Amino acid sequence: MISESAFRLVLAVFVVIDLSVPAYFRRRAGASSCWAAQLKRGGLFVPERLLTFVLYCGLLAYIISPRWLAWSQIHLPGGSRVLGVLLAALALAWMVWAFRHLGSNLFGPQAGLQTLVTTGPYRWIRHPLYSGWAALLAGYSLLTANWFVALVWLAALTAVVRRTPSEEAHLLQQFGEAYREYSARTGRFLPRFRR
């Protein structure tokens, strides 16, 4: 049986990686991480940011002392929690792969995307970072066995899904027919399977 301390340690490592990877690729791409600059470009999405902040505060509370979130703890078999660890690890690897292919186009249409990225995971999915983020936080929800973490994750995910069509409208405006063709052969968050 895996101890609660082991799950907390694994979560702490994942959260450090999770927060470090975007910062690394942002710096490597030469993109600004300044919130004021992102707001000016339309890249600061308040509902997602606020919900993500609340979610990571919950994760931090769990890492420091699971008793702080005992009111929202649910009983899950150890296998489900291990599945959460595996899902989060795979999601982190997926996100690193997506960031590598996104390269200097890191902030999408808000930063004046120079090229339409269709390699790596973008070959099958138009928004692999969102898919990876959703899988990562689903893994966190299982790992922590906490309904509060899961509920905030679902709310943040809903906000991202609602915003995505406007983001795609920007991409369509920027890339025109090339983006229309790309959209026709790829899925938004999951691969599109043809018959």
N, C-alpha and C. Protein backbone atom coordinates (compact mmCIF):
# COMPACT_ATOMS: atom_id res chain seq x y z
N MET A 1 0.84 -1.19 0.00
CA MET A 1 0.00 0.00 0.00
C MET A 1 0.88 1.25 0.00
N ILE A 2 0.53 2.20 -0.85
CA ILE A 2 1.32 3.43 -0.97
C ILE A 2 0.83 4.43 0.08
N SER A 3 1.75 5.06 0.75
CA SER A 3 1.40 6.00 1.82
C SER A 3 0.95 7.35 1.24
N GLU A 4 0.22 8.07 2.08
CA GLU A 4 -0.23 9.42 1.71
C GLU A 4 0.98 10.32 1.48
N SER A 5 2.03 10.13 2.26
CA SER A 5 3.25 10.94 2.11
C SER A 5 3.87 10.74 0.73
N ALA A 6 3.83 9.50 0.22
CA ALA A 6 4.39 9.23 -1.10
C ALA A 6 3.58 9.95 -2.18
N PHE A 7 2.24 9.93 -2.06
CA PHE A 7 1.40 10.64 -3.04
C PHE A 7 1.68 12.15 -2.97
N ARG A 8 1.86 12.67 -1.76
CA ARG A 8 2.14 14.10 -1.61
C ARG A 8 3.47 14.46 -2.25
N LEU A 9 4.48 13.62 -2.07
CA LEU A 9 5.80 13.87 -2.65
C LEU A 9 5.73 13.83 -4.18
N VAL A 10 5.05 12.83 -4.71
CA VAL A 10 4.90 12.73 -6.17
C VAL A 10 4.18 13.96 -6.71
N LEU A 11 3.11 14.37 -6.05
CA LEU A 11 2.38 15.56 -6.49
C LEU A 11 3.26 16.80 -6.45
N ALA A 12 4.06 16.94 -5.41
CA ALA A 12 4.95 18.11 -5.31
C ALA A 12 5.93 18.14 -6.48
N VAL A 13 6.49 16.99 -6.83
CA VAL A 13 7.43 16.92 -7.96
C VAL A 13 6.70 17.28 -9.25
N PHE A 14 5.50 16.72 -9.45
CA PHE A 14 4.73 17.01 -10.66
C PHE A 14 4.39 18.49 -10.77
N VAL A 15 3.99 19.11 -9.67
CA VAL A 15 3.61 20.52 -9.71
C VAL A 15 4.81 21.39 -10.04
N VAL A 16 5.97 21.06 -9.49
CA VAL A 16 7.19 21.83 -9.82
C VAL A 16 7.48 21.69 -11.31
N ILE A 17 7.41 20.50 -11.85
CA ILE A 17 7.65 20.29 -13.29
C ILE A 17 6.59 21.01 -14.10
N ASP A 18 5.34 20.85 -13.69
CA ASP A 18 4.19 21.46 -14.37
C ASP A 18 4.34 22.98 -14.48
N LEU A 19 4.80 23.61 -13.43
CA LEU A 19 4.95 25.07 -13.45
C LEU A 19 6.25 25.51 -14.12
N SER A 20 7.26 24.66 -14.12
CA SER A 20 8.56 25.01 -14.69
C SER A 20 8.60 24.86 -16.21
N VAL A 21 7.93 23.86 -16.73
CA VAL A 21 8.00 23.59 -18.17
C VAL A 21 7.51 24.77 -19.01
N PRO A 22 6.31 25.33 -18.76
CA PRO A 22 5.88 26.48 -19.56
C PRO A 22 6.82 27.68 -19.41
N ALA A 23 7.31 27.90 -18.19
CA ALA A 23 8.23 29.02 -17.97
C ALA A 23 9.51 28.83 -18.78
N TYR A 24 10.02 27.61 -18.82
CA TYR A 24 11.23 27.32 -19.60
C TYR A 24 10.99 27.59 -21.08
N PHE A 25 9.91 27.07 -21.63
CA PHE A 25 9.65 27.24 -23.06
C PHE A 25 9.28 28.68 -23.40
N ARG A 26 8.64 29.37 -22.47
CA ARG A 26 8.32 30.79 -22.69
C ARG A 26 9.61 31.60 -22.78
N ARG A 27 10.54 31.33 -21.85
CA ARG A 27 11.82 32.05 -21.85
C ARG A 27 12.61 31.69 -23.10
N ARG A 28 12.61 30.41 -23.45
CA ARG A 28 13.34 29.96 -24.64
C ARG A 28 12.80 30.60 -25.92
N ALA A 29 11.49 30.83 -25.97
CA ALA A 29 10.87 31.45 -27.13
C ALA A 29 11.02 32.97 -27.12
N GLY A 30 11.52 33.50 -26.00
CA GLY A 30 11.67 34.95 -25.89
C GLY A 30 10.36 35.66 -25.66
N ALA A 31 9.35 34.91 -25.18
CA ALA A 31 8.04 35.50 -24.95
C ALA A 31 7.98 36.16 -23.59
N SER A 32 7.21 37.20 -23.50
CA SER A 32 7.04 37.91 -22.23
C SER A 32 6.12 37.12 -21.32
N SER A 33 6.46 37.07 -20.06
CA SER A 33 5.57 36.43 -19.09
C SER A 33 4.83 37.49 -18.28
N CYS A 34 5.01 38.73 -18.65
CA CYS A 34 4.37 39.83 -17.93
C CYS A 34 2.86 39.81 -18.15
N TRP A 35 2.09 39.82 -17.07
CA TRP A 35 0.64 39.75 -17.18
C TRP A 35 0.08 40.98 -17.90
N ALA A 36 0.70 42.14 -17.70
CA ALA A 36 0.21 43.35 -18.36
C ALA A 36 0.36 43.23 -19.88
N ALA A 37 1.49 42.67 -20.33
CA ALA A 37 1.69 42.47 -21.77
C ALA A 37 0.70 41.46 -22.31
N GLN A 38 0.43 40.40 -21.56
CA GLN A 38 -0.54 39.39 -22.02
C GLN A 38 -1.94 39.98 -22.08
N LEU A 39 -2.29 40.83 -21.10
CA LEU A 39 -3.60 41.46 -21.10
C LEU A 39 -3.76 42.36 -22.31
N LYS A 40 -2.71 43.11 -22.65
CA LYS A 40 -2.75 44.01 -23.80
C LYS A 40 -2.97 43.22 -25.09
N ARG A 41 -2.36 42.02 -25.17
CA ARG A 41 -2.51 41.18 -26.36
C ARG A 41 -3.78 40.35 -26.32
N GLY A 42 -4.53 40.42 -25.23
CA GLY A 42 -5.73 39.60 -25.10
C GLY A 42 -5.43 38.20 -24.60
N GLY A 43 -4.25 37.99 -24.04
CA GLY A 43 -3.86 36.65 -23.63
C GLY A 43 -4.11 36.33 -22.18
N LEU A 44 -4.66 37.26 -21.42
CA LEU A 44 -4.93 37.00 -20.01
C LEU A 44 -6.40 36.63 -19.88
N PHE A 45 -6.68 35.36 -19.68
CA PHE A 45 -8.05 34.88 -19.62
C PHE A 45 -8.43 34.72 -18.15
N VAL A 46 -9.15 35.70 -17.62
CA VAL A 46 -9.40 35.81 -16.20
C VAL A 46 -10.07 34.58 -15.60
N PRO A 47 -11.17 34.04 -16.16
CA PRO A 47 -11.79 32.89 -15.50
C PRO A 47 -10.83 31.70 -15.33
N GLU A 48 -10.12 31.36 -16.40
CA GLU A 48 -9.20 30.23 -16.31
C GLU A 48 -8.07 30.52 -15.32
N ARG A 49 -7.53 31.72 -15.36
CA ARG A 49 -6.43 32.07 -14.46
C ARG A 49 -6.88 32.01 -13.01
N LEU A 50 -8.04 32.57 -12.73
CA LEU A 50 -8.55 32.58 -11.36
C LEU A 50 -8.82 31.15 -10.87
N LEU A 51 -9.48 30.36 -11.70
CA LEU A 51 -9.77 28.98 -11.31
C LEU A 51 -8.49 28.15 -11.18
N THR A 52 -7.54 28.39 -12.06
CA THR A 52 -6.27 27.67 -11.98
C THR A 52 -5.53 28.05 -10.71
N PHE A 53 -5.57 29.32 -10.33
CA PHE A 53 -4.95 29.77 -9.09
C PHE A 53 -5.57 29.06 -7.89
N VAL A 54 -6.90 29.00 -7.86
CA VAL A 54 -7.60 28.32 -6.76
C VAL A 54 -7.21 26.84 -6.74
N LEU A 55 -7.15 26.23 -7.92
CA LEU A 55 -6.79 24.82 -8.01
C LEU A 55 -5.39 24.56 -7.45
N TYR A 56 -4.43 25.39 -7.86
CA TYR A 56 -3.06 25.18 -7.39
C TYR A 56 -2.92 25.51 -5.90
N CYS A 57 -3.74 26.40 -5.39
CA CYS A 57 -3.75 26.63 -3.93
C CYS A 57 -4.24 25.37 -3.23
N GLY A 58 -5.25 24.72 -3.79
CA GLY A 58 -5.73 23.46 -3.23
C GLY A 58 -4.67 22.38 -3.28
N LEU A 59 -3.95 22.29 -4.40
CA LEU A 59 -2.88 21.30 -4.51
C LEU A 59 -1.77 21.58 -3.50
N LEU A 60 -1.43 22.85 -3.34
CA LEU A 60 -0.41 23.22 -2.36
C LEU A 60 -0.85 22.86 -0.94
N ALA A 61 -2.14 23.11 -0.65
CA ALA A 61 -2.66 22.75 0.67
C ALA A 61 -2.56 21.24 0.90
N TYR A 62 -2.87 20.46 -0.13
CA TYR A 62 -2.76 19.00 -0.01
C TYR A 62 -1.30 18.58 0.22
N ILE A 63 -0.39 19.21 -0.51
CA ILE A 63 1.04 18.86 -0.37
C ILE A 63 1.53 19.18 1.04
N ILE A 64 1.15 20.34 1.56
CA ILE A 64 1.61 20.76 2.89
C ILE A 64 0.96 19.90 3.98
N SER A 65 -0.37 19.79 3.91
CA SER A 65 -1.09 19.02 4.94
C SER A 65 -2.44 18.58 4.39
N PRO A 66 -2.58 17.31 4.04
CA PRO A 66 -3.86 16.82 3.51
C PRO A 66 -5.04 17.08 4.45
N ARG A 67 -4.78 17.26 5.74
CA ARG A 67 -5.86 17.56 6.70
C ARG A 67 -6.60 18.83 6.33
N TRP A 68 -5.91 19.78 5.68
CA TRP A 68 -6.55 21.04 5.30
C TRP A 68 -7.67 20.81 4.28
N LEU A 69 -7.55 19.73 3.51
CA LEU A 69 -8.59 19.42 2.53
C LEU A 69 -9.37 18.16 2.89
N ALA A 70 -9.30 17.76 4.16
CA ALA A 70 -9.99 16.53 4.58
C ALA A 70 -11.50 16.62 4.35
N TRP A 71 -12.06 17.81 4.39
CA TRP A 71 -13.50 18.00 4.19
C TRP A 71 -13.96 17.59 2.78
N SER A 72 -13.02 17.55 1.83
CA SER A 72 -13.40 17.20 0.46
C SER A 72 -12.73 15.91 -0.02
N GLN A 73 -12.15 15.18 0.90
CA GLN A 73 -11.47 13.93 0.56
C GLN A 73 -12.51 12.85 0.22
N ILE A 74 -12.22 12.04 -0.78
CA ILE A 74 -13.06 10.90 -1.11
C ILE A 74 -12.22 9.64 -1.05
N HIS A 75 -12.87 8.54 -0.78
CA HIS A 75 -12.13 7.29 -0.71
C HIS A 75 -12.01 6.71 -2.12
N LEU A 76 -10.78 6.54 -2.57
CA LEU A 76 -10.52 5.88 -3.85
C LEU A 76 -9.57 4.73 -3.59
N PRO A 77 -9.74 3.63 -4.30
CA PRO A 77 -8.77 2.55 -4.15
C PRO A 77 -7.39 3.02 -4.58
N GLY A 78 -6.36 2.41 -3.98
CA GLY A 78 -4.98 2.79 -4.29
C GLY A 78 -4.67 2.71 -5.77
N GLY A 79 -5.28 1.74 -6.46
CA GLY A 79 -5.05 1.61 -7.90
C GLY A 79 -5.50 2.83 -8.68
N SER A 80 -6.61 3.45 -8.26
CA SER A 80 -7.10 4.67 -8.92
C SER A 80 -6.12 5.82 -8.73
N ARG A 81 -5.55 5.88 -7.56
CA ARG A 81 -4.60 6.96 -7.27
C ARG A 81 -3.30 6.74 -8.05
N VAL A 82 -2.87 5.49 -8.17
CA VAL A 82 -1.69 5.18 -8.98
C VAL A 82 -1.97 5.50 -10.45
N LEU A 83 -3.19 5.22 -10.90
CA LEU A 83 -3.59 5.59 -12.26
C LEU A 83 -3.48 7.11 -12.45
N GLY A 84 -3.84 7.87 -11.41
CA GLY A 84 -3.68 9.33 -11.46
C GLY A 84 -2.23 9.73 -11.63
N VAL A 85 -1.33 9.04 -10.94
CA VAL A 85 0.11 9.31 -11.07
C VAL A 85 0.56 9.04 -12.50
N LEU A 86 0.16 7.90 -13.06
CA LEU A 86 0.55 7.56 -14.43
C LEU A 86 -0.03 8.55 -15.44
N LEU A 87 -1.30 8.91 -15.26
CA LEU A 87 -1.94 9.87 -16.16
C LEU A 87 -1.24 11.22 -16.12
N ALA A 88 -0.90 11.68 -14.93
CA ALA A 88 -0.21 12.98 -14.79
C ALA A 88 1.18 12.91 -15.43
N ALA A 89 1.89 11.81 -15.25
CA ALA A 89 3.23 11.68 -15.84
C ALA A 89 3.15 11.68 -17.36
N LEU A 90 2.21 10.93 -17.92
CA LEU A 90 2.04 10.91 -19.38
C LEU A 90 1.62 12.28 -19.90
N ALA A 91 0.75 12.96 -19.17
CA ALA A 91 0.30 14.29 -19.59
C ALA A 91 1.46 15.28 -19.60
N LEU A 92 2.33 15.22 -18.60
CA LEU A 92 3.49 16.11 -18.58
C LEU A 92 4.40 15.85 -19.78
N ALA A 93 4.64 14.57 -20.10
CA ALA A 93 5.47 14.24 -21.27
C ALA A 93 4.82 14.75 -22.54
N TRP A 94 3.50 14.59 -22.65
CA TRP A 94 2.75 15.07 -23.83
C TRP A 94 2.88 16.59 -23.97
N MET A 95 2.77 17.29 -22.85
CA MET A 95 2.85 18.75 -22.89
C MET A 95 4.25 19.23 -23.28
N VAL A 96 5.28 18.56 -22.80
CA VAL A 96 6.65 18.91 -23.20
C VAL A 96 6.79 18.74 -24.71
N TRP A 97 6.26 17.63 -25.23
CA TRP A 97 6.30 17.38 -26.67
C TRP A 97 5.59 18.49 -27.45
N ALA A 98 4.41 18.89 -26.96
CA ALA A 98 3.65 19.96 -27.63
C ALA A 98 4.40 21.28 -27.57
N PHE A 99 4.95 21.62 -26.41
CA PHE A 99 5.71 22.87 -26.27
C PHE A 99 6.91 22.88 -27.23
N ARG A 100 7.59 21.75 -27.34
CA ARG A 100 8.76 21.68 -28.24
C ARG A 100 8.36 21.98 -29.68
N HIS A 101 7.22 21.47 -30.12
CA HIS A 101 6.80 21.72 -31.50
C HIS A 101 6.22 23.11 -31.69
N LEU A 102 5.66 23.67 -30.65
CA LEU A 102 5.11 25.02 -30.74
C LEU A 102 6.25 26.04 -30.88
N GLY A 103 7.36 25.77 -30.22
CA GLY A 103 8.56 26.59 -30.38
C GLY A 103 8.33 28.07 -30.12
N SER A 104 8.76 28.89 -31.05
CA SER A 104 8.68 30.34 -30.86
C SER A 104 7.27 30.88 -31.06
N ASN A 105 6.33 30.03 -31.42
CA ASN A 105 4.93 30.43 -31.61
C ASN A 105 4.14 30.33 -30.30
N LEU A 106 4.82 30.37 -29.20
CA LEU A 106 4.27 29.99 -27.90
C LEU A 106 2.94 30.61 -27.53
N PHE A 107 2.75 31.89 -27.74
CA PHE A 107 1.53 32.50 -27.27
C PHE A 107 0.44 32.62 -28.32
N GLY A 108 0.50 31.81 -29.33
CA GLY A 108 -0.59 31.68 -30.29
C GLY A 108 -0.97 32.98 -30.96
N PRO A 109 -2.27 33.13 -31.26
CA PRO A 109 -2.72 34.27 -32.05
C PRO A 109 -2.51 35.60 -31.35
N GLN A 110 -2.45 35.59 -30.02
CA GLN A 110 -2.26 36.85 -29.30
C GLN A 110 -0.88 37.44 -29.53
N ALA A 111 0.10 36.59 -29.83
CA ALA A 111 1.46 37.07 -30.00
C ALA A 111 1.84 37.22 -31.46
N GLY A 112 0.90 37.04 -32.37
CA GLY A 112 1.21 37.14 -33.79
C GLY A 112 1.92 35.90 -34.27
N LEU A 113 1.28 34.77 -34.15
CA LEU A 113 1.84 33.49 -34.55
C LEU A 113 2.43 33.59 -35.95
N GLN A 114 3.71 33.20 -36.08
CA GLN A 114 4.37 33.32 -37.38
C GLN A 114 4.06 32.16 -38.30
N THR A 115 3.92 30.96 -37.76
CA THR A 115 3.71 29.79 -38.60
C THR A 115 2.58 28.94 -38.03
N LEU A 116 1.94 28.22 -38.92
CA LEU A 116 0.90 27.27 -38.51
C LEU A 116 1.61 25.97 -38.16
N VAL A 117 1.58 25.59 -36.91
CA VAL A 117 2.28 24.40 -36.44
C VAL A 117 1.41 23.18 -36.69
N THR A 118 1.93 22.22 -37.46
CA THR A 118 1.17 21.00 -37.78
C THR A 118 2.03 19.76 -37.57
N THR A 119 3.06 19.86 -36.75
CA THR A 119 3.94 18.73 -36.50
C THR A 119 3.76 18.24 -35.07
N GLY A 120 4.36 17.09 -34.78
CA GLY A 120 4.24 16.53 -33.43
C GLY A 120 2.79 16.26 -33.11
N PRO A 121 2.35 16.58 -31.89
CA PRO A 121 0.95 16.32 -31.54
C PRO A 121 -0.03 17.20 -32.31
N TYR A 122 0.48 18.31 -32.85
CA TYR A 122 -0.38 19.20 -33.65
C TYR A 122 -0.78 18.54 -34.97
N ARG A 123 -0.16 17.45 -35.31
CA ARG A 123 -0.54 16.71 -36.52
C ARG A 123 -1.96 16.15 -36.38
N TRP A 124 -2.35 15.83 -35.14
CA TRP A 124 -3.65 15.19 -34.91
C TRP A 124 -4.64 16.08 -34.15
N ILE A 125 -4.10 17.00 -33.33
CA ILE A 125 -4.95 17.80 -32.43
C ILE A 125 -4.56 19.27 -32.55
N ARG A 126 -5.56 20.14 -32.64
CA ARG A 126 -5.28 21.57 -32.77
C ARG A 126 -4.85 22.20 -31.44
N HIS A 127 -5.26 21.63 -30.33
CA HIS A 127 -4.94 22.21 -29.02
C HIS A 127 -4.38 21.14 -28.07
N PRO A 128 -3.23 20.56 -28.40
CA PRO A 128 -2.69 19.50 -27.55
C PRO A 128 -2.28 19.97 -26.16
N LEU A 129 -1.93 21.24 -26.00
CA LEU A 129 -1.59 21.72 -24.67
C LEU A 129 -2.82 21.72 -23.77
N TYR A 130 -3.97 22.08 -24.30
CA TYR A 130 -5.20 22.05 -23.51
C TYR A 130 -5.56 20.60 -23.17
N SER A 131 -5.40 19.71 -24.12
CA SER A 131 -5.68 18.29 -23.87
C SER A 131 -4.74 17.74 -22.79
N GLY A 132 -3.46 18.09 -22.90
CA GLY A 132 -2.49 17.64 -21.91
C GLY A 132 -2.78 18.21 -20.54
N TRP A 133 -3.15 19.48 -20.51
CA TRP A 133 -3.47 20.14 -19.24
C TRP A 133 -4.69 19.48 -18.60
N ALA A 134 -5.70 19.17 -19.41
CA ALA A 134 -6.90 18.50 -18.89
C ALA A 134 -6.54 17.13 -18.31
N ALA A 135 -5.71 16.37 -19.03
CA ALA A 135 -5.29 15.04 -18.54
C ALA A 135 -4.44 15.16 -17.28
N LEU A 136 -3.57 16.16 -17.25
CA LEU A 136 -2.73 16.38 -16.08
C LEU A 136 -3.57 16.64 -14.83
N LEU A 137 -4.55 17.51 -14.97
CA LEU A 137 -5.36 17.86 -13.81
C LEU A 137 -6.34 16.74 -13.44
N ALA A 138 -6.74 15.94 -14.42
CA ALA A 138 -7.53 14.74 -14.09
C ALA A 138 -6.66 13.80 -13.26
N GLY A 139 -5.39 13.68 -13.66
CA GLY A 139 -4.45 12.87 -12.88
C GLY A 139 -4.28 13.40 -11.47
N TYR A 140 -4.17 14.73 -11.34
CA TYR A 140 -4.06 15.33 -10.01
C TYR A 140 -5.30 15.03 -9.17
N SER A 141 -6.47 15.07 -9.80
CA SER A 141 -7.72 14.81 -9.07
C SER A 141 -7.74 13.39 -8.52
N LEU A 142 -7.31 12.43 -9.34
CA LEU A 142 -7.24 11.04 -8.87
C LEU A 142 -6.17 10.86 -7.81
N LEU A 143 -5.00 11.46 -8.07
CA LEU A 143 -3.87 11.32 -7.15
C LEU A 143 -4.22 11.84 -5.76
N THR A 144 -4.89 12.98 -5.69
CA THR A 144 -5.24 13.57 -4.40
C THR A 144 -6.50 12.95 -3.80
N ALA A 145 -7.29 12.26 -4.63
CA ALA A 145 -8.57 11.67 -4.18
C ALA A 145 -9.41 12.76 -3.50
N ASN A 146 -9.60 13.87 -4.22
CA ASN A 146 -10.24 15.02 -3.62
C ASN A 146 -11.27 15.61 -4.58
N TRP A 147 -12.53 15.71 -4.13
CA TRP A 147 -13.57 16.21 -5.02
C TRP A 147 -13.45 17.72 -5.24
N PHE A 148 -12.87 18.47 -4.30
CA PHE A 148 -12.69 19.91 -4.51
C PHE A 148 -11.72 20.16 -5.67
N VAL A 149 -10.62 19.43 -5.70
CA VAL A 149 -9.65 19.56 -6.79
C VAL A 149 -10.33 19.21 -8.12
N ALA A 150 -11.11 18.13 -8.12
CA ALA A 150 -11.80 17.72 -9.35
C ALA A 150 -12.83 18.76 -9.79
N LEU A 151 -13.56 19.33 -8.86
CA LEU A 151 -14.59 20.32 -9.20
C LEU A 151 -13.97 21.59 -9.78
N VAL A 152 -12.91 22.09 -9.17
CA VAL A 152 -12.25 23.30 -9.69
C VAL A 152 -11.63 23.01 -11.05
N TRP A 153 -11.06 21.81 -11.22
CA TRP A 153 -10.52 21.41 -12.52
C TRP A 153 -11.61 21.43 -13.58
N LEU A 154 -12.78 20.87 -13.29
CA LEU A 154 -13.87 20.85 -14.27
C LEU A 154 -14.34 22.27 -14.62
N ALA A 155 -14.39 23.15 -13.63
CA ALA A 155 -14.78 24.54 -13.89
C ALA A 155 -13.76 25.24 -14.79
N ALA A 156 -12.46 25.04 -14.50
CA ALA A 156 -11.41 25.65 -15.33
C ALA A 156 -11.45 25.08 -16.74
N LEU A 157 -11.66 23.79 -16.85
CA LEU A 157 -11.74 23.13 -18.16
C LEU A 157 -12.91 23.67 -18.97
N THR A 158 -14.05 23.87 -18.31
CA THR A 158 -15.22 24.44 -18.97
C THR A 158 -14.91 25.83 -19.52
N ALA A 159 -14.21 26.65 -18.74
CA ALA A 159 -13.85 28.00 -19.18
C ALA A 159 -12.94 27.94 -20.40
N VAL A 160 -11.98 27.01 -20.42
CA VAL A 160 -11.08 26.87 -21.57
C VAL A 160 -11.84 26.43 -22.80
N VAL A 161 -12.73 25.44 -22.64
CA VAL A 161 -13.51 24.93 -23.78
C VAL A 161 -14.39 26.04 -24.35
N ARG A 162 -14.98 26.86 -23.49
CA ARG A 162 -15.84 27.95 -23.97
C ARG A 162 -15.05 29.02 -24.72
N ARG A 163 -13.78 29.22 -24.34
CA ARG A 163 -12.97 30.26 -24.99
C ARG A 163 -12.36 29.80 -26.30
N THR A 164 -12.16 28.51 -26.48
CA THR A 164 -11.43 27.99 -27.62
C THR A 164 -11.99 28.41 -28.98
N PRO A 165 -13.32 28.44 -29.20
CA PRO A 165 -13.80 28.87 -30.51
C PRO A 165 -13.35 30.28 -30.91
N SER A 166 -13.27 31.21 -29.96
CA SER A 166 -12.80 32.55 -30.31
C SER A 166 -11.31 32.53 -30.65
N GLU A 167 -10.56 31.68 -29.98
CA GLU A 167 -9.14 31.53 -30.30
C GLU A 167 -8.98 30.96 -31.71
N GLU A 168 -9.82 30.00 -32.05
CA GLU A 168 -9.75 29.42 -33.40
C GLU A 168 -10.19 30.42 -34.46
N ALA A 169 -11.11 31.32 -34.11
CA ALA A 169 -11.50 32.36 -35.06
C ALA A 169 -10.31 33.27 -35.39
N HIS A 170 -9.48 33.57 -34.37
CA HIS A 170 -8.26 34.36 -34.60
C HIS A 170 -7.31 33.62 -35.54
N LEU A 171 -7.15 32.32 -35.30
CA LEU A 171 -6.26 31.52 -36.14
C LEU A 171 -6.77 31.44 -37.57
N LEU A 172 -8.08 31.31 -37.72
CA LEU A 172 -8.67 31.27 -39.06
C LEU A 172 -8.46 32.60 -39.78
N GLN A 173 -8.60 33.68 -39.06
CA GLN A 173 -8.37 35.01 -39.64
C GLN A 173 -6.90 35.17 -40.05
N GLN A 174 -6.00 34.64 -39.24
CA GLN A 174 -4.58 34.79 -39.53
C GLN A 174 -4.10 33.89 -40.65
N PHE A 175 -4.57 32.64 -40.67
CA PHE A 175 -4.04 31.67 -41.63
C PHE A 175 -5.00 31.32 -42.76
N GLY A 176 -6.24 31.76 -42.68
CA GLY A 176 -7.19 31.57 -43.76
C GLY A 176 -7.44 30.11 -44.13
N GLU A 177 -7.36 29.85 -45.43
CA GLU A 177 -7.69 28.53 -45.96
C GLU A 177 -6.79 27.43 -45.40
N ALA A 178 -5.54 27.74 -45.12
CA ALA A 178 -4.62 26.74 -44.56
C ALA A 178 -5.15 26.25 -43.21
N TYR A 179 -5.66 27.18 -42.39
CA TYR A 179 -6.19 26.76 -41.10
C TYR A 179 -7.51 26.02 -41.25
N ARG A 180 -8.32 26.42 -42.22
CA ARG A 180 -9.58 25.73 -42.48
C ARG A 180 -9.32 24.27 -42.85
N GLU A 181 -8.34 24.04 -43.72
CA GLU A 181 -7.99 22.67 -44.13
C GLU A 181 -7.42 21.89 -42.95
N TYR A 182 -6.58 22.55 -42.19
CA TYR A 182 -5.99 21.92 -41.01
C TYR A 182 -7.09 21.51 -40.02
N SER A 183 -8.06 22.38 -39.80
CA SER A 183 -9.18 22.09 -38.90
C SER A 183 -10.02 20.92 -39.40
N ALA A 184 -10.14 20.80 -40.70
CA ALA A 184 -10.96 19.74 -41.27
C ALA A 184 -10.35 18.36 -41.05
N ARG A 185 -9.04 18.29 -40.89
CA ARG A 185 -8.40 16.98 -40.74
C ARG A 185 -7.93 16.68 -39.32
N THR A 186 -8.09 17.64 -38.41
CA THR A 186 -7.66 17.42 -37.02
C THR A 186 -8.82 17.62 -36.06
N GLY A 187 -8.69 17.06 -34.89
CA GLY A 187 -9.67 17.28 -33.83
C GLY A 187 -9.27 18.47 -32.99
N ARG A 188 -10.23 19.03 -32.31
CA ARG A 188 -9.93 20.20 -31.47
C ARG A 188 -9.11 19.79 -30.25
N PHE A 189 -9.60 18.80 -29.49
CA PHE A 189 -8.92 18.36 -28.27
C PHE A 189 -8.51 16.89 -28.32
N LEU A 190 -9.16 16.13 -29.17
CA LEU A 190 -8.85 14.71 -29.34
C LEU A 190 -8.67 14.45 -30.83
N PRO A 191 -7.91 13.42 -31.19
CA PRO A 191 -7.73 13.13 -32.62
C PRO A 191 -9.06 12.84 -33.29
N ARG A 192 -9.14 13.23 -34.54
CA ARG A 192 -10.34 12.94 -35.33
C ARG A 192 -10.09 11.63 -36.07
N PHE A 193 -10.92 10.67 -35.79
CA PHE A 193 -10.77 9.36 -36.43
C PHE A 193 -11.68 9.29 -37.64
N ARG A 194 -11.07 8.93 -38.76
CA ARG A 194 -11.85 8.80 -40.00
C ARG A 194 -12.33 7.38 -40.15
N ARG A 195 -13.45 7.23 -40.85
CA ARG A 195 -13.96 5.90 -41.11
C ARG A 195 -13.17 5.26 -42.23
